[in-house]
């Protein structure tokens, strides 16, 4: 059984409707969900809590996803990061070669698939990005790899 810190997920997106869909899907998996509507709020929450997974929108006003990733890289705990992106995922991947990204999900997405991916990442916390993707793929029938289609 997962402890509270291993069930806590941070959803970061400036669009309330996207956050609502993600939160609803994730609560069905009995996960504890915190929400941030911008990068600054996300960084504050990351300093207060340990997360099993962070779902991170890259394009936000103010501190964007790149700024949040910088904060995670330099000062915060190591949680699996799943990016939630619109459009050109390939460009995002090229910008983030050296970062520890555990997956990329493109909008629009299937909320049930998201919940399965996040739950798998939560159970696999502490593993490398590649190992998490491979094991989550085996556990869930390929959502992470399938969602990386560019």
N, C-alpha and C. Protein backbone atom coordinates (compact mmCIF):
# COMPACT_ATOMS: atom_id res chain seq x y z
N UNK A 1 0.83 -1.19 0.00
CA UNK A 1 0.00 0.00 0.00
C UNK A 1 0.88 1.26 0.00
N UNK A 2 0.47 2.23 -0.79
CA UNK A 2 1.26 3.46 -0.90
C UNK A 2 0.94 4.39 0.26
N UNK A 3 1.97 5.03 0.79
CA UNK A 3 1.76 6.04 1.83
C UNK A 3 1.23 7.32 1.20
N UNK A 4 0.84 8.28 2.05
CA UNK A 4 0.29 9.53 1.52
C UNK A 4 1.28 10.23 0.59
N UNK A 5 2.55 10.29 0.96
CA UNK A 5 3.52 10.98 0.11
C UNK A 5 3.71 10.25 -1.22
N UNK A 6 3.46 8.94 -1.25
CA UNK A 6 3.58 8.20 -2.50
C UNK A 6 2.30 8.24 -3.32
N UNK A 7 1.26 8.85 -2.79
CA UNK A 7 -0.01 8.98 -3.52
C UNK A 7 -0.30 10.43 -3.88
N UNK A 8 0.57 11.33 -3.56
CA UNK A 8 0.32 12.76 -3.78
C UNK A 8 0.84 13.16 -5.17
N UNK A 9 -0.05 13.78 -5.94
CA UNK A 9 0.25 14.20 -7.31
C UNK A 9 0.03 15.70 -7.41
N UNK A 10 0.91 16.36 -8.14
CA UNK A 10 0.76 17.79 -8.41
C UNK A 10 0.36 17.97 -9.87
N UNK A 11 -0.76 18.65 -10.09
CA UNK A 11 -1.24 18.98 -11.43
C UNK A 11 -1.01 20.47 -11.64
N UNK A 12 -0.21 20.81 -12.64
CA UNK A 12 0.13 22.21 -12.92
C UNK A 12 -0.34 22.56 -14.32
N UNK A 13 -1.34 23.42 -14.40
CA UNK A 13 -1.85 23.88 -15.70
C UNK A 13 -2.59 25.19 -15.48
N UNK A 14 -2.39 26.15 -16.38
CA UNK A 14 -3.07 27.43 -16.23
C UNK A 14 -4.53 27.39 -16.68
N UNK A 15 -4.95 26.33 -17.36
CA UNK A 15 -6.33 26.20 -17.79
C UNK A 15 -7.13 25.41 -16.76
N UNK A 16 -8.09 26.07 -16.13
CA UNK A 16 -8.90 25.43 -15.09
C UNK A 16 -9.62 24.20 -15.61
N UNK A 17 -10.10 24.24 -16.84
CA UNK A 17 -10.83 23.10 -17.39
C UNK A 17 -9.94 21.86 -17.53
N UNK A 18 -8.69 22.07 -17.91
CA UNK A 18 -7.74 20.96 -18.03
C UNK A 18 -7.44 20.40 -16.63
N UNK A 19 -7.19 21.28 -15.68
CA UNK A 19 -6.95 20.82 -14.30
C UNK A 19 -8.14 20.01 -13.79
N UNK A 20 -9.35 20.49 -14.04
CA UNK A 20 -10.55 19.80 -13.56
C UNK A 20 -10.66 18.38 -14.13
N UNK A 21 -10.39 18.23 -15.41
CA UNK A 21 -10.45 16.90 -16.03
C UNK A 21 -9.39 15.98 -15.42
N UNK A 22 -8.17 16.49 -15.27
CA UNK A 22 -7.09 15.69 -14.70
C UNK A 22 -7.38 15.31 -13.25
N UNK A 23 -7.82 16.27 -12.46
CA UNK A 23 -8.10 16.01 -11.05
C UNK A 23 -9.22 14.97 -10.90
N UNK A 24 -10.27 15.11 -11.68
CA UNK A 24 -11.38 14.16 -11.60
C UNK A 24 -10.91 12.74 -11.93
N UNK A 25 -10.13 12.60 -12.99
CA UNK A 25 -9.63 11.28 -13.39
C UNK A 25 -8.70 10.70 -12.33
N UNK A 26 -7.85 11.52 -11.75
CA UNK A 26 -6.87 11.03 -10.78
C UNK A 26 -7.49 10.68 -9.44
N UNK A 27 -8.50 11.41 -9.03
CA UNK A 27 -9.16 11.09 -7.76
C UNK A 27 -9.83 9.73 -7.81
N UNK A 28 -10.22 9.29 -9.00
CA UNK A 28 -10.81 7.95 -9.16
C UNK A 28 -9.81 6.85 -8.83
N UNK A 29 -8.53 7.18 -8.88
CA UNK A 29 -7.47 6.23 -8.54
C UNK A 29 -7.02 6.38 -7.09
N UNK A 30 -7.81 7.09 -6.29
CA UNK A 30 -7.53 7.30 -4.86
C UNK A 30 -6.20 8.01 -4.62
N UNK A 31 -5.86 8.93 -5.51
CA UNK A 31 -4.66 9.72 -5.34
C UNK A 31 -5.01 11.05 -4.69
N UNK A 32 -4.07 11.61 -3.97
CA UNK A 32 -4.23 12.92 -3.35
C UNK A 32 -3.70 13.94 -4.36
N UNK A 33 -4.53 14.90 -4.71
CA UNK A 33 -4.18 15.83 -5.78
C UNK A 33 -4.04 17.25 -5.25
N UNK A 34 -2.91 17.88 -5.57
CA UNK A 34 -2.74 19.30 -5.35
C UNK A 34 -2.73 19.94 -6.73
N UNK A 35 -3.21 21.18 -6.80
CA UNK A 35 -3.30 21.88 -8.07
C UNK A 35 -2.55 23.21 -8.01
N UNK A 36 -1.94 23.56 -9.14
CA UNK A 36 -1.31 24.86 -9.28
C UNK A 36 -1.72 25.44 -10.62
N UNK A 37 -2.06 26.72 -10.61
CA UNK A 37 -2.50 27.36 -11.85
C UNK A 37 -1.37 28.10 -12.56
N UNK A 38 -0.20 28.13 -11.95
CA UNK A 38 0.96 28.75 -12.59
C UNK A 38 2.24 28.19 -11.99
N UNK A 39 3.36 28.56 -12.60
CA UNK A 39 4.65 28.03 -12.17
C UNK A 39 5.05 28.44 -10.78
N UNK A 40 4.74 29.66 -10.40
CA UNK A 40 5.09 30.15 -9.07
C UNK A 40 4.38 29.33 -7.99
N UNK A 41 3.10 29.12 -8.19
CA UNK A 41 2.33 28.32 -7.24
C UNK A 41 2.86 26.88 -7.19
N UNK A 42 3.24 26.34 -8.34
CA UNK A 42 3.79 24.98 -8.39
C UNK A 42 5.08 24.88 -7.59
N UNK A 43 5.96 25.86 -7.75
CA UNK A 43 7.23 25.84 -7.01
C UNK A 43 6.98 25.91 -5.51
N UNK A 44 6.04 26.76 -5.09
CA UNK A 44 5.69 26.84 -3.67
C UNK A 44 5.22 25.48 -3.14
N UNK A 45 4.34 24.81 -3.89
CA UNK A 45 3.84 23.50 -3.46
C UNK A 45 4.93 22.45 -3.46
N UNK A 46 5.83 22.50 -4.44
CA UNK A 46 6.94 21.55 -4.49
C UNK A 46 7.88 21.72 -3.30
N UNK A 47 7.97 22.93 -2.75
CA UNK A 47 8.80 23.16 -1.58
C UNK A 47 8.13 22.67 -0.30
N UNK A 48 6.81 22.53 -0.33
CA UNK A 48 6.05 22.13 0.86
C UNK A 48 5.79 20.63 0.96
N UNK A 49 5.72 19.94 -0.18
CA UNK A 49 5.29 18.54 -0.20
C UNK A 49 6.23 17.69 -1.03
N UNK A 50 6.16 16.39 -0.79
CA UNK A 50 6.84 15.41 -1.62
C UNK A 50 5.79 14.80 -2.53
N UNK A 51 6.06 14.81 -3.83
CA UNK A 51 5.10 14.30 -4.81
C UNK A 51 5.60 13.02 -5.45
N UNK A 52 4.66 12.13 -5.72
CA UNK A 52 5.01 10.91 -6.43
C UNK A 52 5.08 11.16 -7.93
N UNK A 53 4.31 12.13 -8.42
CA UNK A 53 4.29 12.49 -9.84
C UNK A 53 3.90 13.96 -9.96
N UNK A 54 4.49 14.64 -10.96
CA UNK A 54 4.10 16.00 -11.30
C UNK A 54 3.64 16.00 -12.75
N UNK A 55 2.39 16.41 -12.99
CA UNK A 55 1.88 16.62 -14.34
C UNK A 55 2.06 18.10 -14.63
N UNK A 56 2.85 18.43 -15.63
CA UNK A 56 3.30 19.81 -15.82
C UNK A 56 2.99 20.33 -17.22
N UNK A 57 2.17 21.37 -17.28
CA UNK A 57 1.93 22.10 -18.52
C UNK A 57 3.16 22.95 -18.79
N UNK A 58 3.60 23.03 -20.03
CA UNK A 58 4.80 23.78 -20.35
C UNK A 58 4.52 25.25 -20.66
N UNK A 59 3.38 25.53 -21.25
CA UNK A 59 3.08 26.89 -21.70
C UNK A 59 2.11 27.56 -20.73
N UNK A 60 2.66 28.40 -19.86
CA UNK A 60 1.86 29.13 -18.87
C UNK A 60 2.41 30.55 -18.78
N UNK A 61 1.55 31.50 -18.43
CA UNK A 61 2.05 32.87 -18.23
C UNK A 61 2.93 32.93 -16.97
N UNK A 62 3.79 33.93 -16.91
CA UNK A 62 4.68 34.07 -15.75
C UNK A 62 5.76 33.00 -15.80
N UNK A 63 5.91 32.26 -14.72
CA UNK A 63 6.88 31.16 -14.69
C UNK A 63 6.25 29.99 -15.43
N UNK A 64 6.84 29.61 -16.56
CA UNK A 64 6.29 28.53 -17.37
C UNK A 64 6.84 27.18 -16.91
N UNK A 65 6.54 26.14 -17.66
CA UNK A 65 7.01 24.80 -17.31
C UNK A 65 8.52 24.69 -17.26
N UNK A 66 9.19 25.42 -18.14
CA UNK A 66 10.66 25.39 -18.13
C UNK A 66 11.21 25.96 -16.81
N UNK A 67 10.57 27.02 -16.31
CA UNK A 67 10.98 27.60 -15.03
C UNK A 67 10.75 26.64 -13.88
N UNK A 68 9.65 25.92 -13.93
CA UNK A 68 9.37 24.91 -12.88
C UNK A 68 10.41 23.80 -12.95
N UNK A 69 10.74 23.36 -14.16
CA UNK A 69 11.77 22.32 -14.30
C UNK A 69 13.11 22.79 -13.78
N UNK A 70 13.45 24.05 -14.01
CA UNK A 70 14.70 24.58 -13.46
C UNK A 70 14.69 24.52 -11.93
N UNK A 71 13.57 24.89 -11.32
CA UNK A 71 13.46 24.84 -9.86
C UNK A 71 13.58 23.41 -9.36
N UNK A 72 12.96 22.48 -10.06
CA UNK A 72 13.05 21.07 -9.66
C UNK A 72 14.48 20.59 -9.79
N UNK A 73 15.14 20.95 -10.90
CA UNK A 73 16.52 20.52 -11.12
C UNK A 73 17.47 21.03 -10.06
N UNK A 74 17.27 22.27 -9.62
CA UNK A 74 18.24 22.90 -8.74
C UNK A 74 17.95 22.80 -7.25
N UNK A 75 16.69 22.70 -6.87
CA UNK A 75 16.43 22.81 -5.44
C UNK A 75 15.42 21.83 -4.87
N UNK A 76 14.65 21.18 -5.70
CA UNK A 76 13.52 20.43 -5.17
C UNK A 76 13.67 18.93 -5.33
N UNK A 77 12.79 18.20 -4.66
CA UNK A 77 12.83 16.74 -4.66
C UNK A 77 12.67 16.19 -6.07
N UNK A 78 13.12 14.97 -6.23
CA UNK A 78 13.12 14.31 -7.53
C UNK A 78 11.84 13.50 -7.72
N UNK A 79 10.84 14.09 -8.34
CA UNK A 79 9.59 13.40 -8.63
C UNK A 79 9.52 13.13 -10.12
N UNK A 80 8.93 12.01 -10.53
CA UNK A 80 8.73 11.79 -11.97
C UNK A 80 7.92 12.93 -12.57
N UNK A 81 8.35 13.41 -13.71
CA UNK A 81 7.69 14.52 -14.39
C UNK A 81 7.05 13.99 -15.67
N UNK A 82 5.76 14.23 -15.81
CA UNK A 82 5.05 13.93 -17.04
C UNK A 82 4.56 15.26 -17.60
N UNK A 83 5.06 15.63 -18.77
CA UNK A 83 4.68 16.90 -19.38
C UNK A 83 3.34 16.76 -20.08
N UNK A 84 2.53 17.79 -19.96
CA UNK A 84 1.25 17.86 -20.66
C UNK A 84 1.39 19.01 -21.65
N UNK A 85 1.45 18.68 -22.94
CA UNK A 85 1.75 19.68 -23.95
C UNK A 85 0.70 19.74 -25.04
N UNK A 86 0.59 20.89 -25.66
CA UNK A 86 -0.24 21.07 -26.84
C UNK A 86 0.69 21.14 -28.04
N UNK A 87 0.31 20.52 -29.11
CA UNK A 87 1.05 20.71 -30.35
C UNK A 87 2.38 20.01 -30.43
N UNK A 88 3.43 20.76 -30.69
CA UNK A 88 4.73 20.22 -31.10
C UNK A 88 5.52 19.60 -29.96
N UNK A 89 5.22 18.36 -29.64
CA UNK A 89 5.95 17.66 -28.58
C UNK A 89 7.41 17.46 -28.96
N UNK A 90 7.70 17.31 -30.24
CA UNK A 90 9.09 17.09 -30.67
C UNK A 90 9.96 18.29 -30.29
N UNK A 91 9.45 19.51 -30.47
CA UNK A 91 10.21 20.71 -30.11
C UNK A 91 10.47 20.75 -28.61
N UNK A 92 9.49 20.37 -27.82
CA UNK A 92 9.66 20.34 -26.36
C UNK A 92 10.74 19.34 -26.00
N UNK A 93 10.71 18.16 -26.60
CA UNK A 93 11.72 17.14 -26.31
C UNK A 93 13.12 17.64 -26.66
N UNK A 94 13.28 18.33 -27.77
CA UNK A 94 14.60 18.83 -28.15
C UNK A 94 15.11 19.85 -27.14
N UNK A 95 14.22 20.66 -26.58
CA UNK A 95 14.63 21.64 -25.59
C UNK A 95 14.98 21.02 -24.24
N UNK A 96 14.52 19.79 -24.01
CA UNK A 96 14.64 19.19 -22.69
C UNK A 96 15.49 17.93 -22.67
N UNK A 97 16.44 17.79 -23.59
CA UNK A 97 17.26 16.58 -23.66
C UNK A 97 17.81 16.14 -22.31
N UNK A 98 18.36 17.08 -21.57
CA UNK A 98 19.10 16.73 -20.36
C UNK A 98 18.22 16.63 -19.12
N UNK A 99 16.96 16.84 -19.25
CA UNK A 99 16.07 16.83 -18.10
C UNK A 99 15.51 15.44 -17.86
N UNK A 100 15.03 15.22 -16.65
CA UNK A 100 14.48 13.91 -16.29
C UNK A 100 12.97 13.91 -16.51
N UNK A 101 12.58 13.76 -17.76
CA UNK A 101 11.18 13.72 -18.12
C UNK A 101 10.77 12.26 -18.24
N UNK A 102 9.73 11.88 -17.53
CA UNK A 102 9.28 10.50 -17.53
C UNK A 102 8.22 10.22 -18.58
N UNK A 103 7.72 11.24 -19.23
CA UNK A 103 6.74 11.05 -20.28
C UNK A 103 6.19 12.37 -20.76
N UNK A 104 5.58 12.30 -21.93
CA UNK A 104 4.93 13.47 -22.50
C UNK A 104 3.54 13.04 -22.94
N UNK A 105 2.56 13.80 -22.52
CA UNK A 105 1.18 13.54 -22.90
C UNK A 105 0.71 14.74 -23.71
N UNK A 106 0.17 14.46 -24.89
CA UNK A 106 -0.29 15.56 -25.73
C UNK A 106 -1.78 15.77 -25.56
N UNK A 107 -2.17 17.05 -25.51
CA UNK A 107 -3.59 17.40 -25.46
C UNK A 107 -4.14 17.30 -26.88
N UNK A 108 -5.35 16.86 -27.07
CA UNK A 108 -6.29 16.34 -26.06
C UNK A 108 -5.89 14.94 -25.63
N UNK A 109 -6.27 14.55 -24.45
CA UNK A 109 -5.88 13.27 -23.89
C UNK A 109 -7.10 12.53 -23.36
N UNK A 110 -6.90 11.24 -23.12
CA UNK A 110 -7.94 10.39 -22.53
C UNK A 110 -7.73 10.42 -21.01
N UNK A 111 -8.68 10.98 -20.24
CA UNK A 111 -8.51 11.10 -18.79
C UNK A 111 -8.26 9.76 -18.09
N UNK A 112 -8.86 8.69 -18.58
CA UNK A 112 -8.66 7.39 -17.94
C UNK A 112 -7.24 6.88 -18.17
N UNK A 113 -6.71 7.14 -19.35
CA UNK A 113 -5.34 6.75 -19.65
C UNK A 113 -4.36 7.55 -18.79
N UNK A 114 -4.65 8.82 -18.60
CA UNK A 114 -3.80 9.68 -17.76
C UNK A 114 -3.74 9.11 -16.34
N UNK A 115 -4.91 8.76 -15.81
CA UNK A 115 -4.96 8.22 -14.44
C UNK A 115 -4.12 6.96 -14.32
N UNK A 116 -4.18 6.10 -15.31
CA UNK A 116 -3.40 4.86 -15.29
C UNK A 116 -1.91 5.16 -15.35
N UNK A 117 -1.51 6.08 -16.21
CA UNK A 117 -0.10 6.45 -16.34
C UNK A 117 0.42 7.03 -15.03
N UNK A 118 -0.33 7.95 -14.45
CA UNK A 118 0.11 8.60 -13.21
C UNK A 118 0.18 7.59 -12.07
N UNK A 119 -0.79 6.72 -11.97
CA UNK A 119 -0.78 5.71 -10.91
C UNK A 119 0.44 4.81 -11.07
N UNK A 120 0.76 4.43 -12.30
CA UNK A 120 1.95 3.60 -12.55
C UNK A 120 3.22 4.32 -12.17
N UNK A 121 3.32 5.60 -12.54
CA UNK A 121 4.52 6.39 -12.17
C UNK A 121 4.64 6.51 -10.66
N UNK A 122 3.52 6.69 -9.98
CA UNK A 122 3.54 6.80 -8.52
C UNK A 122 4.09 5.53 -7.89
N UNK A 123 3.70 4.40 -8.42
CA UNK A 123 4.18 3.13 -7.87
C UNK A 123 5.65 2.90 -8.19
N UNK A 124 6.13 3.53 -9.24
CA UNK A 124 7.51 3.31 -9.69
C UNK A 124 8.45 4.43 -9.29
N UNK A 125 8.01 5.30 -8.40
CA UNK A 125 8.79 6.48 -8.00
C UNK A 125 10.21 6.09 -7.57
N UNK A 126 11.16 6.89 -7.95
CA UNK A 126 12.54 6.65 -7.56
C UNK A 126 13.35 5.93 -8.63
N UNK A 127 12.70 5.47 -9.67
CA UNK A 127 13.43 4.82 -10.75
C UNK A 127 13.82 5.85 -11.80
N UNK A 128 14.71 5.46 -12.70
CA UNK A 128 15.12 6.38 -13.76
C UNK A 128 13.95 6.62 -14.72
N UNK A 129 14.04 7.68 -15.50
CA UNK A 129 12.98 8.00 -16.45
C UNK A 129 12.76 6.84 -17.42
N UNK A 130 13.82 6.30 -17.99
CA UNK A 130 13.69 5.22 -18.95
C UNK A 130 13.09 3.97 -18.30
N UNK A 131 13.54 3.64 -17.11
CA UNK A 131 13.03 2.48 -16.39
C UNK A 131 11.54 2.67 -16.06
N UNK A 132 11.16 3.87 -15.62
CA UNK A 132 9.76 4.14 -15.32
C UNK A 132 8.90 3.97 -16.56
N UNK A 133 9.37 4.51 -17.69
CA UNK A 133 8.59 4.40 -18.92
C UNK A 133 8.43 2.95 -19.33
N UNK A 134 9.49 2.18 -19.25
CA UNK A 134 9.43 0.78 -19.66
C UNK A 134 8.50 -0.03 -18.74
N UNK A 135 8.64 0.14 -17.43
CA UNK A 135 7.81 -0.60 -16.50
C UNK A 135 6.35 -0.16 -16.56
N UNK A 136 6.12 1.15 -16.70
CA UNK A 136 4.74 1.63 -16.81
C UNK A 136 4.09 1.09 -18.08
N UNK A 137 4.87 0.97 -19.14
CA UNK A 137 4.36 0.42 -20.39
C UNK A 137 3.92 -1.03 -20.18
N UNK A 138 4.75 -1.81 -19.50
CA UNK A 138 4.39 -3.21 -19.24
C UNK A 138 3.16 -3.31 -18.34
N UNK A 139 3.07 -2.43 -17.35
CA UNK A 139 1.96 -2.50 -16.39
C UNK A 139 0.64 -2.03 -16.98
N UNK A 140 0.70 -1.08 -17.91
CA UNK A 140 -0.54 -0.43 -18.35
C UNK A 140 -0.89 -0.67 -19.81
N UNK A 141 -0.11 -1.45 -20.51
CA UNK A 141 -0.44 -1.71 -21.89
C UNK A 141 0.03 -0.64 -22.86
N UNK A 142 1.07 0.08 -22.52
CA UNK A 142 1.79 1.01 -23.39
C UNK A 142 1.35 2.46 -23.40
N UNK A 143 0.65 2.99 -22.39
CA UNK A 143 0.26 4.39 -22.49
C UNK A 143 1.41 5.37 -22.62
N UNK A 144 2.47 5.21 -21.83
CA UNK A 144 3.52 6.23 -21.90
C UNK A 144 4.21 6.23 -23.25
N UNK A 145 4.57 5.05 -23.74
CA UNK A 145 5.23 4.99 -25.03
C UNK A 145 4.27 5.45 -26.13
N UNK A 146 3.02 5.02 -26.07
CA UNK A 146 2.05 5.42 -27.08
C UNK A 146 1.85 6.92 -27.08
N UNK A 147 1.87 7.52 -25.91
CA UNK A 147 1.65 8.96 -25.82
C UNK A 147 2.86 9.77 -26.29
N UNK A 148 4.00 9.11 -26.45
CA UNK A 148 5.18 9.80 -26.94
C UNK A 148 5.23 9.87 -28.45
N UNK A 149 4.20 9.36 -29.14
CA UNK A 149 4.18 9.43 -30.60
C UNK A 149 4.27 10.89 -31.04
N UNK A 150 5.20 11.15 -31.89
CA UNK A 150 5.41 12.52 -32.35
C UNK A 150 5.02 12.57 -33.80
